[in-house]
Amino acid sequence: MKLALLPLTLHLMPGGRVPLRIFEPRYLRMVAQAGRHGLGFGIGMLDEGEEEGGDLFALGTRVRIVDFYTLDDGLLGITVEATERFRILGLEREQDGLLQAEVALLDNWDPCALSPTEQVLADKLREVFDEYPELAELHPVPRWQDAAWIAQRWLEVLPIRGHYTQQLMAERNCRPALAFLMSMLRPDPQSGPCH
C-alpha cells in the first residue's frame, strides 16, 4: 500500500488522536487526497530533535481525518485518529517535497483485560486525563478496561526515547509495553529509556 507521509516527532498508536495544523501546500494536497481516496495518510515518526529532512523510524501509523476546522489564525486544523501501525518498505519524495511511502500494514494489538496489578495504569491515566482535559476531549470514549488501549495511550504521552517506543510499538501484543509501564512505577536507575 502507498501512503503520503507527514513526518512528526510524536508517536501515535492505533486509537490515538491528535490535532494538527496544516499550512504547507504539499500537506494541504495530502489532506485533500486523503479525503478523496479514503485511504487516510501516514504519520512518519522522526527522532527527537531531527528536522524534517532527518531519518524516519521504520514504523509509522496510518491515520484517518475525524474533524476539520479553521484555526484562529485562519489556517486549516484537522484532528486525526490512528487506525493501524505500518512498516515502511520504501520512500520516494515528490516534486513538491511530499513523501510517499510503500508500507506493510501491521495487525493491531488485540484488546485484553488489565490484571488487578495493572489496574494502576488505568487509574494513573485517568489522573492524566483529569489534569489535561484537552487530552480527554480527544478520546471521548475511553476504554479503561482494555490493557492494549491503556498501554498505547501511555506510549503516546510519556517522554520515552523514540527508538525505545519503536521497539515496544513493533511488538505483536501489548504485554511488553505493559511490563515496561509497570516497571516505570518502580524505576530502575540503570534502565534509562526516558528523557
N, C-alpha and C. Protein backbone atom coordinates (compact mmCIF):
# COMPACT_ATOMS: atom_id res chain seq x y z
N MET A 1 0.84 -1.18 0.00
CA MET A 1 0.00 0.00 0.00
C MET A 1 0.89 1.24 0.00
N LYS A 2 0.45 2.27 -0.73
CA LYS A 2 1.20 3.52 -0.77
C LYS A 2 0.44 4.58 0.01
N LEU A 3 1.15 5.29 0.89
CA LEU A 3 0.56 6.36 1.70
C LEU A 3 1.44 7.59 1.66
N ALA A 4 0.81 8.77 1.57
CA ALA A 4 1.55 10.01 1.78
C ALA A 4 1.92 10.09 3.25
N LEU A 5 3.09 10.66 3.54
CA LEU A 5 3.58 10.71 4.92
C LEU A 5 3.71 12.14 5.41
N LEU A 6 3.28 12.35 6.65
CA LEU A 6 3.53 13.58 7.37
C LEU A 6 4.55 13.25 8.46
N PRO A 7 5.80 13.74 8.34
CA PRO A 7 6.81 13.42 9.36
C PRO A 7 6.61 14.28 10.61
N LEU A 8 6.52 13.62 11.76
CA LEU A 8 6.36 14.32 13.04
C LEU A 8 7.26 13.66 14.07
N THR A 9 7.55 14.38 15.15
CA THR A 9 8.39 13.79 16.21
C THR A 9 7.56 13.08 17.27
N LEU A 10 6.25 12.98 17.08
CA LEU A 10 5.44 12.27 18.07
C LEU A 10 5.23 10.83 17.64
N HIS A 11 4.88 10.00 18.60
CA HIS A 11 4.45 8.63 18.32
C HIS A 11 2.95 8.57 18.56
N LEU A 12 2.23 8.07 17.59
CA LEU A 12 0.78 7.91 17.69
C LEU A 12 0.47 6.45 17.45
N MET A 13 -0.33 5.88 18.33
CA MET A 13 -0.67 4.46 18.25
C MET A 13 -2.14 4.30 17.86
N PRO A 14 -2.53 3.12 17.36
CA PRO A 14 -3.93 2.92 16.98
C PRO A 14 -4.89 3.30 18.10
N GLY A 15 -5.93 4.04 17.72
CA GLY A 15 -6.90 4.54 18.69
C GLY A 15 -6.55 5.90 19.24
N GLY A 16 -5.32 6.35 19.02
CA GLY A 16 -4.91 7.66 19.50
C GLY A 16 -5.35 8.77 18.55
N ARG A 17 -5.57 9.93 19.10
CA ARG A 17 -5.98 11.09 18.30
C ARG A 17 -5.05 12.26 18.59
N VAL A 18 -4.85 13.10 17.57
CA VAL A 18 -4.02 14.29 17.73
C VAL A 18 -4.54 15.39 16.80
N PRO A 19 -4.56 16.65 17.28
CA PRO A 19 -4.91 17.77 16.39
C PRO A 19 -3.66 18.22 15.64
N LEU A 20 -3.82 18.59 14.38
CA LEU A 20 -2.71 19.02 13.53
C LEU A 20 -3.06 20.35 12.87
N ARG A 21 -2.04 21.16 12.69
CA ARG A 21 -2.17 22.45 12.00
C ARG A 21 -1.52 22.27 10.63
N ILE A 22 -2.31 22.44 9.57
CA ILE A 22 -1.84 22.17 8.21
C ILE A 22 -1.74 23.49 7.45
N PHE A 23 -0.54 23.78 6.92
CA PHE A 23 -0.39 25.04 6.18
C PHE A 23 0.49 24.93 4.95
N GLU A 24 1.41 23.98 4.91
CA GLU A 24 2.26 23.86 3.73
C GLU A 24 1.45 23.28 2.57
N PRO A 25 1.65 23.82 1.35
CA PRO A 25 0.87 23.35 0.20
C PRO A 25 0.92 21.83 -0.01
N ARG A 26 2.09 21.21 0.22
CA ARG A 26 2.18 19.77 0.00
C ARG A 26 1.29 19.00 0.97
N TYR A 27 1.15 19.51 2.21
CA TYR A 27 0.31 18.81 3.18
C TYR A 27 -1.17 19.14 3.00
N LEU A 28 -1.47 20.33 2.46
CA LEU A 28 -2.85 20.62 2.08
C LEU A 28 -3.28 19.66 0.96
N ARG A 29 -2.38 19.41 0.02
CA ARG A 29 -2.65 18.45 -1.06
C ARG A 29 -2.84 17.04 -0.48
N MET A 30 -1.99 16.68 0.49
CA MET A 30 -2.09 15.37 1.13
C MET A 30 -3.46 15.19 1.80
N VAL A 31 -3.91 16.23 2.51
CA VAL A 31 -5.21 16.16 3.20
C VAL A 31 -6.34 16.03 2.18
N ALA A 32 -6.26 16.80 1.09
CA ALA A 32 -7.30 16.72 0.04
C ALA A 32 -7.34 15.33 -0.56
N GLN A 33 -6.18 14.75 -0.84
CA GLN A 33 -6.12 13.39 -1.40
C GLN A 33 -6.67 12.36 -0.42
N ALA A 34 -6.33 12.56 0.87
CA ALA A 34 -6.80 11.60 1.90
C ALA A 34 -8.32 11.60 1.94
N GLY A 35 -8.92 12.79 1.81
CA GLY A 35 -10.38 12.88 1.82
C GLY A 35 -11.00 12.26 0.58
N ARG A 36 -10.35 12.47 -0.57
CA ARG A 36 -10.88 11.97 -1.84
C ARG A 36 -10.80 10.45 -1.94
N HIS A 37 -9.68 9.89 -1.55
CA HIS A 37 -9.44 8.46 -1.77
C HIS A 37 -9.82 7.59 -0.58
N GLY A 38 -10.04 8.18 0.58
CA GLY A 38 -10.47 7.42 1.75
C GLY A 38 -9.41 6.52 2.37
N LEU A 39 -8.16 6.63 1.91
CA LEU A 39 -7.09 5.80 2.47
C LEU A 39 -6.46 6.42 3.71
N GLY A 40 -6.73 7.71 3.94
CA GLY A 40 -6.04 8.41 5.02
C GLY A 40 -4.62 8.73 4.58
N PHE A 41 -3.75 8.96 5.53
CA PHE A 41 -2.34 9.18 5.24
C PHE A 41 -1.54 8.62 6.40
N GLY A 42 -0.24 8.66 6.27
CA GLY A 42 0.62 8.10 7.30
C GLY A 42 1.32 9.17 8.10
N ILE A 43 1.53 8.90 9.37
CA ILE A 43 2.40 9.73 10.18
C ILE A 43 3.72 8.97 10.29
N GLY A 44 4.75 9.58 9.73
CA GLY A 44 6.09 9.02 9.82
C GLY A 44 6.77 9.62 11.04
N MET A 45 7.37 8.81 11.85
CA MET A 45 7.88 9.26 13.14
C MET A 45 9.37 9.56 13.08
N LEU A 46 9.71 10.81 13.35
CA LEU A 46 11.08 11.28 13.33
C LEU A 46 11.70 11.17 14.72
N ASP A 47 13.00 11.00 14.76
CA ASP A 47 13.71 11.00 16.03
C ASP A 47 13.62 12.39 16.65
N GLU A 48 13.68 12.47 18.00
CA GLU A 48 13.62 13.73 18.70
C GLU A 48 14.74 14.64 18.23
N GLY A 49 14.40 15.89 17.99
CA GLY A 49 15.41 16.86 17.63
C GLY A 49 15.78 16.84 16.16
N GLU A 50 15.25 15.89 15.39
CA GLU A 50 15.55 15.85 13.96
C GLU A 50 14.66 16.85 13.23
N GLU A 51 15.19 17.45 12.20
CA GLU A 51 14.37 18.29 11.33
C GLU A 51 13.68 17.38 10.32
N GLU A 52 12.83 17.96 9.51
CA GLU A 52 12.02 17.15 8.60
C GLU A 52 12.88 16.32 7.65
N GLY A 53 14.05 16.78 7.32
CA GLY A 53 14.92 16.02 6.43
C GLY A 53 15.59 14.85 7.11
N GLY A 54 15.39 14.67 8.41
CA GLY A 54 16.06 13.62 9.16
C GLY A 54 15.51 12.24 8.84
N ASP A 55 16.16 11.25 9.41
CA ASP A 55 15.75 9.87 9.16
C ASP A 55 14.45 9.56 9.88
N LEU A 56 13.60 8.82 9.18
CA LEU A 56 12.35 8.35 9.77
C LEU A 56 12.59 7.01 10.44
N PHE A 57 11.87 6.77 11.52
CA PHE A 57 11.86 5.43 12.10
C PHE A 57 11.15 4.48 11.13
N ALA A 58 11.38 3.19 11.29
CA ALA A 58 10.81 2.18 10.39
C ALA A 58 9.30 2.06 10.53
N LEU A 59 8.79 2.32 11.75
CA LEU A 59 7.35 2.16 11.98
C LEU A 59 6.65 3.50 11.99
N GLY A 60 5.47 3.53 11.42
CA GLY A 60 4.61 4.72 11.45
C GLY A 60 3.19 4.28 11.70
N THR A 61 2.27 5.22 11.55
CA THR A 61 0.87 4.92 11.82
C THR A 61 -0.01 5.53 10.74
N ARG A 62 -0.90 4.73 10.24
CA ARG A 62 -1.91 5.23 9.29
C ARG A 62 -3.00 5.94 10.09
N VAL A 63 -3.44 7.10 9.58
CA VAL A 63 -4.47 7.87 10.27
C VAL A 63 -5.62 8.20 9.33
N ARG A 64 -6.76 8.47 9.92
CA ARG A 64 -7.91 8.99 9.17
C ARG A 64 -8.30 10.32 9.80
N ILE A 65 -8.84 11.19 8.99
CA ILE A 65 -9.25 12.50 9.47
C ILE A 65 -10.64 12.38 10.09
N VAL A 66 -10.78 12.81 11.35
CA VAL A 66 -12.08 12.73 12.03
C VAL A 66 -12.73 14.09 12.20
N ASP A 67 -11.97 15.19 11.98
CA ASP A 67 -12.56 16.52 12.11
C ASP A 67 -11.71 17.54 11.33
N PHE A 68 -12.40 18.49 10.71
CA PHE A 68 -11.78 19.64 10.04
C PHE A 68 -12.27 20.90 10.73
N TYR A 69 -11.45 21.94 10.83
CA TYR A 69 -11.88 23.22 11.39
C TYR A 69 -10.89 24.30 10.97
N THR A 70 -11.33 25.55 11.10
CA THR A 70 -10.46 26.68 10.81
C THR A 70 -9.91 27.20 12.13
N LEU A 71 -8.60 27.33 12.19
CA LEU A 71 -7.94 27.81 13.40
C LEU A 71 -8.05 29.32 13.50
N ASP A 72 -7.75 29.87 14.68
CA ASP A 72 -7.85 31.31 14.91
C ASP A 72 -7.01 32.11 13.92
N ASP A 73 -5.90 31.53 13.46
CA ASP A 73 -5.04 32.24 12.51
C ASP A 73 -5.47 32.04 11.06
N GLY A 74 -6.63 31.38 10.87
CA GLY A 74 -7.16 31.19 9.53
C GLY A 74 -6.65 29.95 8.82
N LEU A 75 -5.71 29.22 9.45
CA LEU A 75 -5.16 28.02 8.84
C LEU A 75 -6.08 26.82 9.09
N LEU A 76 -5.84 25.77 8.32
CA LEU A 76 -6.62 24.54 8.44
C LEU A 76 -6.16 23.74 9.66
N GLY A 77 -7.12 23.34 10.47
CA GLY A 77 -6.86 22.41 11.56
C GLY A 77 -7.60 21.11 11.28
N ILE A 78 -6.94 20.00 11.59
CA ILE A 78 -7.60 18.70 11.47
C ILE A 78 -7.30 17.90 12.73
N THR A 79 -8.20 17.01 13.04
CA THR A 79 -7.92 16.01 14.08
C THR A 79 -7.90 14.66 13.39
N VAL A 80 -6.85 13.90 13.67
CA VAL A 80 -6.72 12.57 13.06
C VAL A 80 -6.75 11.51 14.14
N GLU A 81 -7.19 10.33 13.72
CA GLU A 81 -7.20 9.16 14.60
C GLU A 81 -6.38 8.06 13.94
N ALA A 82 -5.48 7.47 14.69
CA ALA A 82 -4.65 6.38 14.16
C ALA A 82 -5.49 5.11 14.03
N THR A 83 -5.33 4.45 12.90
CA THR A 83 -6.10 3.23 12.66
C THR A 83 -5.25 1.97 12.74
N GLU A 84 -4.00 2.03 12.23
CA GLU A 84 -3.12 0.87 12.35
C GLU A 84 -1.67 1.27 12.16
N ARG A 85 -0.79 0.41 12.66
CA ARG A 85 0.65 0.62 12.51
C ARG A 85 1.09 0.11 11.14
N PHE A 86 2.20 0.63 10.67
CA PHE A 86 2.78 0.09 9.44
C PHE A 86 4.29 0.11 9.53
N ARG A 87 4.90 -0.70 8.66
CA ARG A 87 6.35 -0.71 8.49
C ARG A 87 6.64 -0.11 7.12
N ILE A 88 7.56 0.85 7.08
CA ILE A 88 7.93 1.49 5.82
C ILE A 88 8.85 0.56 5.04
N LEU A 89 8.46 0.27 3.80
CA LEU A 89 9.25 -0.59 2.93
C LEU A 89 10.09 0.22 1.94
N GLY A 90 9.61 1.39 1.57
CA GLY A 90 10.32 2.23 0.62
C GLY A 90 9.76 3.64 0.65
N LEU A 91 10.60 4.60 0.28
CA LEU A 91 10.21 6.02 0.30
C LEU A 91 10.57 6.68 -1.02
N GLU A 92 9.72 7.61 -1.44
CA GLU A 92 10.07 8.49 -2.56
C GLU A 92 9.53 9.88 -2.25
N ARG A 93 10.26 10.88 -2.73
CA ARG A 93 9.87 12.26 -2.49
C ARG A 93 9.35 12.86 -3.79
N GLU A 94 8.13 13.41 -3.74
CA GLU A 94 7.54 14.02 -4.93
C GLU A 94 8.15 15.39 -5.17
N GLN A 95 7.81 15.99 -6.31
CA GLN A 95 8.43 17.25 -6.72
C GLN A 95 8.24 18.36 -5.68
N ASP A 96 7.07 18.39 -5.02
CA ASP A 96 6.82 19.44 -4.03
C ASP A 96 7.35 19.08 -2.64
N GLY A 97 8.02 17.93 -2.54
CA GLY A 97 8.61 17.51 -1.26
C GLY A 97 7.77 16.54 -0.46
N LEU A 98 6.53 16.26 -0.91
CA LEU A 98 5.69 15.32 -0.17
C LEU A 98 6.26 13.92 -0.27
N LEU A 99 6.42 13.28 0.89
CA LEU A 99 6.93 11.91 0.92
C LEU A 99 5.81 10.92 0.65
N GLN A 100 6.09 9.94 -0.17
CA GLN A 100 5.19 8.81 -0.41
C GLN A 100 5.91 7.56 0.07
N ALA A 101 5.22 6.75 0.83
CA ALA A 101 5.84 5.54 1.37
C ALA A 101 5.09 4.30 0.92
N GLU A 102 5.83 3.30 0.54
CA GLU A 102 5.27 1.96 0.35
C GLU A 102 5.31 1.31 1.72
N VAL A 103 4.14 0.87 2.22
CA VAL A 103 4.07 0.37 3.60
C VAL A 103 3.43 -1.01 3.65
N ALA A 104 3.78 -1.75 4.68
CA ALA A 104 3.11 -3.01 5.02
C ALA A 104 2.36 -2.77 6.33
N LEU A 105 1.04 -2.94 6.29
CA LEU A 105 0.23 -2.74 7.49
C LEU A 105 0.47 -3.87 8.48
N LEU A 106 0.47 -3.52 9.77
CA LEU A 106 0.66 -4.49 10.85
C LEU A 106 -0.66 -4.68 11.59
N ASP A 107 -0.88 -5.88 12.08
CA ASP A 107 -2.11 -6.15 12.85
C ASP A 107 -2.12 -5.31 14.12
N ASN A 108 -3.30 -4.82 14.48
CA ASN A 108 -3.44 -4.09 15.74
C ASN A 108 -3.34 -5.06 16.91
N TRP A 109 -2.97 -4.51 18.05
CA TRP A 109 -2.95 -5.30 19.28
C TRP A 109 -4.38 -5.68 19.63
N ASP A 110 -4.57 -6.94 19.98
CA ASP A 110 -5.90 -7.39 20.42
C ASP A 110 -6.22 -6.78 21.77
N PRO A 111 -7.51 -6.40 21.97
CA PRO A 111 -7.90 -5.94 23.30
C PRO A 111 -7.67 -7.05 24.32
N CYS A 112 -7.27 -6.67 25.52
CA CYS A 112 -7.13 -7.65 26.59
C CYS A 112 -7.38 -6.95 27.92
N ALA A 113 -7.67 -7.76 28.92
CA ALA A 113 -8.03 -7.20 30.23
C ALA A 113 -6.78 -6.82 31.02
N LEU A 114 -6.92 -5.77 31.80
CA LEU A 114 -5.87 -5.41 32.76
C LEU A 114 -5.92 -6.39 33.93
N SER A 115 -4.77 -6.81 34.39
CA SER A 115 -4.75 -7.61 35.61
C SER A 115 -5.01 -6.68 36.79
N PRO A 116 -5.37 -7.21 37.97
CA PRO A 116 -5.57 -6.34 39.13
C PRO A 116 -4.35 -5.46 39.42
N THR A 117 -3.15 -6.01 39.24
CA THR A 117 -1.93 -5.24 39.48
C THR A 117 -1.79 -4.10 38.48
N GLU A 118 -2.18 -4.38 37.21
CA GLU A 118 -2.04 -3.37 36.14
C GLU A 118 -3.11 -2.29 36.19
N GLN A 119 -4.15 -2.49 36.99
CA GLN A 119 -5.24 -1.50 37.08
C GLN A 119 -4.72 -0.11 37.43
N VAL A 120 -3.59 -0.06 38.12
CA VAL A 120 -2.99 1.23 38.49
C VAL A 120 -2.67 2.05 37.24
N LEU A 121 -2.35 1.39 36.11
CA LEU A 121 -2.06 2.12 34.88
C LEU A 121 -3.29 2.87 34.37
N ALA A 122 -4.46 2.24 34.47
CA ALA A 122 -5.70 2.92 34.08
C ALA A 122 -6.01 4.06 35.04
N ASP A 123 -5.81 3.81 36.35
CA ASP A 123 -6.09 4.84 37.35
C ASP A 123 -5.21 6.07 37.14
N LYS A 124 -3.92 5.84 36.88
CA LYS A 124 -2.98 6.96 36.66
C LYS A 124 -3.30 7.69 35.36
N LEU A 125 -3.72 6.94 34.32
CA LEU A 125 -4.07 7.60 33.06
C LEU A 125 -5.31 8.47 33.23
N ARG A 126 -6.26 8.02 34.03
CA ARG A 126 -7.43 8.85 34.34
C ARG A 126 -6.99 10.17 34.98
N GLU A 127 -6.00 10.09 35.87
CA GLU A 127 -5.49 11.31 36.51
C GLU A 127 -4.88 12.25 35.47
N VAL A 128 -4.15 11.67 34.52
CA VAL A 128 -3.57 12.50 33.44
C VAL A 128 -4.69 13.16 32.63
N PHE A 129 -5.73 12.40 32.30
CA PHE A 129 -6.86 12.95 31.54
C PHE A 129 -7.56 14.05 32.34
N ASP A 130 -7.67 13.86 33.66
CA ASP A 130 -8.29 14.89 34.51
C ASP A 130 -7.44 16.16 34.52
N GLU A 131 -6.13 15.99 34.54
CA GLU A 131 -5.22 17.13 34.60
C GLU A 131 -5.11 17.85 33.26
N TYR A 132 -5.29 17.11 32.17
CA TYR A 132 -5.18 17.68 30.82
C TYR A 132 -6.49 17.42 30.07
N PRO A 133 -7.52 18.24 30.32
CA PRO A 133 -8.83 17.98 29.71
C PRO A 133 -8.80 17.97 28.18
N GLU A 134 -7.84 18.69 27.58
CA GLU A 134 -7.75 18.68 26.12
C GLU A 134 -7.39 17.28 25.60
N LEU A 135 -6.66 16.52 26.40
CA LEU A 135 -6.32 15.15 26.05
C LEU A 135 -7.56 14.26 26.19
N ALA A 136 -8.30 14.47 27.26
CA ALA A 136 -9.53 13.70 27.48
C ALA A 136 -10.54 13.98 26.37
N GLU A 137 -10.62 15.23 25.90
CA GLU A 137 -11.57 15.58 24.84
C GLU A 137 -11.26 14.85 23.54
N LEU A 138 -9.99 14.55 23.31
CA LEU A 138 -9.61 13.83 22.10
C LEU A 138 -10.08 12.37 22.14
N HIS A 139 -10.35 11.85 23.33
CA HIS A 139 -10.74 10.45 23.49
C HIS A 139 -12.09 10.39 24.23
N PRO A 140 -13.18 10.74 23.53
CA PRO A 140 -14.48 10.82 24.21
C PRO A 140 -15.02 9.49 24.70
N VAL A 141 -14.51 8.39 24.15
CA VAL A 141 -14.98 7.06 24.59
C VAL A 141 -13.76 6.25 25.04
N PRO A 142 -13.21 6.59 26.22
CA PRO A 142 -12.02 5.87 26.70
C PRO A 142 -12.34 4.41 27.01
N ARG A 143 -11.38 3.55 26.78
CA ARG A 143 -11.55 2.11 27.01
C ARG A 143 -10.73 1.72 28.24
N TRP A 144 -11.23 2.10 29.40
CA TRP A 144 -10.49 1.96 30.65
C TRP A 144 -10.18 0.52 31.03
N GLN A 145 -10.94 -0.45 30.50
CA GLN A 145 -10.71 -1.85 30.86
C GLN A 145 -9.82 -2.58 29.86
N ASP A 146 -9.44 -1.90 28.76
CA ASP A 146 -8.66 -2.54 27.70
C ASP A 146 -7.18 -2.22 27.88
N ALA A 147 -6.41 -3.25 28.24
CA ALA A 147 -4.99 -3.06 28.51
C ALA A 147 -4.24 -2.54 27.28
N ALA A 148 -4.62 -2.99 26.09
CA ALA A 148 -3.95 -2.53 24.87
C ALA A 148 -4.17 -1.03 24.67
N TRP A 149 -5.40 -0.58 24.86
CA TRP A 149 -5.72 0.85 24.69
C TRP A 149 -4.96 1.68 25.72
N ILE A 150 -4.95 1.22 26.96
CA ILE A 150 -4.24 1.93 28.04
C ILE A 150 -2.75 2.03 27.72
N ALA A 151 -2.14 0.91 27.32
CA ALA A 151 -0.71 0.90 27.03
C ALA A 151 -0.38 1.85 25.88
N GLN A 152 -1.22 1.86 24.85
CA GLN A 152 -0.97 2.73 23.70
C GLN A 152 -1.07 4.20 24.06
N ARG A 153 -2.03 4.56 24.92
CA ARG A 153 -2.14 5.98 25.30
C ARG A 153 -0.92 6.39 26.12
N TRP A 154 -0.41 5.50 26.98
CA TRP A 154 0.78 5.83 27.76
C TRP A 154 2.00 6.01 26.85
N LEU A 155 2.14 5.16 25.82
CA LEU A 155 3.28 5.29 24.91
C LEU A 155 3.23 6.62 24.15
N GLU A 156 2.04 7.17 23.99
CA GLU A 156 1.90 8.47 23.32
C GLU A 156 2.28 9.64 24.21
N VAL A 157 2.00 9.53 25.50
CA VAL A 157 2.17 10.71 26.36
C VAL A 157 3.47 10.71 27.17
N LEU A 158 4.06 9.55 27.39
CA LEU A 158 5.30 9.53 28.18
C LEU A 158 6.49 10.01 27.35
N PRO A 159 7.43 10.71 27.98
CA PRO A 159 8.62 11.17 27.25
C PRO A 159 9.67 10.05 27.13
N ILE A 160 9.36 9.08 26.28
CA ILE A 160 10.23 7.93 26.09
C ILE A 160 11.06 8.16 24.83
N ARG A 161 12.29 7.76 24.85
CA ARG A 161 13.13 7.88 23.64
C ARG A 161 12.48 7.15 22.48
N GLY A 162 12.54 7.78 21.32
CA GLY A 162 11.85 7.26 20.15
C GLY A 162 12.22 5.84 19.78
N HIS A 163 13.51 5.50 19.83
CA HIS A 163 13.90 4.14 19.43
C HIS A 163 13.31 3.10 20.37
N TYR A 164 13.12 3.46 21.65
CA TYR A 164 12.55 2.51 22.60
C TYR A 164 11.04 2.37 22.36
N THR A 165 10.39 3.50 22.07
CA THR A 165 8.96 3.43 21.74
C THR A 165 8.76 2.56 20.50
N GLN A 166 9.66 2.69 19.52
CA GLN A 166 9.57 1.88 18.31
C GLN A 166 9.69 0.39 18.64
N GLN A 167 10.56 0.04 19.56
CA GLN A 167 10.70 -1.38 19.95
C GLN A 167 9.39 -1.91 20.52
N LEU A 168 8.78 -1.12 21.41
CA LEU A 168 7.53 -1.55 22.02
C LEU A 168 6.40 -1.57 20.98
N MET A 169 6.39 -0.59 20.10
CA MET A 169 5.37 -0.48 19.07
C MET A 169 5.43 -1.66 18.10
N ALA A 170 6.64 -2.22 17.90
CA ALA A 170 6.82 -3.33 16.96
C ALA A 170 6.33 -4.66 17.51
N GLU A 171 6.05 -4.72 18.80
CA GLU A 171 5.63 -5.99 19.41
C GLU A 171 4.26 -6.43 18.88
N ARG A 172 4.02 -7.75 18.94
CA ARG A 172 2.77 -8.31 18.42
C ARG A 172 1.57 -8.07 19.33
N ASN A 173 1.83 -7.80 20.60
CA ASN A 173 0.74 -7.53 21.54
C ASN A 173 1.20 -6.52 22.57
N CYS A 174 0.31 -6.19 23.49
CA CYS A 174 0.58 -5.11 24.44
C CYS A 174 1.38 -5.56 25.66
N ARG A 175 1.65 -6.85 25.81
CA ARG A 175 2.27 -7.33 27.05
C ARG A 175 3.65 -6.72 27.33
N PRO A 176 4.58 -6.63 26.34
CA PRO A 176 5.86 -5.98 26.63
C PRO A 176 5.70 -4.51 27.05
N ALA A 177 4.76 -3.81 26.42
CA ALA A 177 4.52 -2.40 26.80
C ALA A 177 3.99 -2.31 28.22
N LEU A 178 3.08 -3.22 28.57
CA LEU A 178 2.55 -3.21 29.94
C LEU A 178 3.65 -3.50 30.96
N ALA A 179 4.51 -4.46 30.65
CA ALA A 179 5.61 -4.77 31.57
C ALA A 179 6.52 -3.56 31.73
N PHE A 180 6.82 -2.88 30.62
CA PHE A 180 7.64 -1.67 30.69
C PHE A 180 6.95 -0.59 31.53
N LEU A 181 5.66 -0.37 31.29
CA LEU A 181 4.93 0.67 32.03
C LEU A 181 4.88 0.35 33.52
N MET A 182 4.70 -0.91 33.85
CA MET A 182 4.69 -1.29 35.26
C MET A 182 6.07 -1.05 35.88
N SER A 183 7.13 -1.29 35.10
CA SER A 183 8.48 -1.05 35.62
C SER A 183 8.73 0.44 35.86
N MET A 184 8.01 1.29 35.13
CA MET A 184 8.15 2.74 35.32
C MET A 184 7.64 3.17 36.70
N LEU A 185 6.73 2.38 37.25
CA LEU A 185 6.22 2.70 38.59
C LEU A 185 7.27 2.39 39.65
N ARG A 186 8.22 1.50 39.28
CA ARG A 186 9.33 1.16 40.17
C ARG A 186 10.62 1.38 39.37
N PRO A 187 10.98 2.65 39.07
CA PRO A 187 12.11 2.91 38.16
C PRO A 187 13.40 2.26 38.60
N ASP A 188 14.08 1.69 37.60
CA ASP A 188 15.40 1.12 37.80
C ASP A 188 16.42 2.16 37.31
N PRO A 189 17.32 2.63 38.18
CA PRO A 189 18.25 3.67 37.77
C PRO A 189 19.14 3.28 36.60
N GLN A 190 19.26 1.98 36.30
CA GLN A 190 20.09 1.53 35.19
C GLN A 190 19.36 1.54 33.85
N SER A 191 18.00 1.63 33.86
CA SER A 191 17.24 1.41 32.63
C SER A 191 17.37 2.55 31.63
N GLY A 192 16.93 3.72 31.92
CA GLY A 192 17.16 4.89 31.10
C GLY A 192 16.50 5.04 29.75
N PRO A 193 15.26 4.51 29.48
CA PRO A 193 14.66 4.77 28.18
C PRO A 193 13.99 6.14 28.09
N CYS A 194 13.82 6.83 29.23
CA CYS A 194 13.14 8.12 29.21
C CYS A 194 14.14 9.25 29.14
N HIS A 195 13.63 10.42 28.82
CA HIS A 195 14.49 11.62 28.75
C HIS A 195 14.86 12.07 30.15
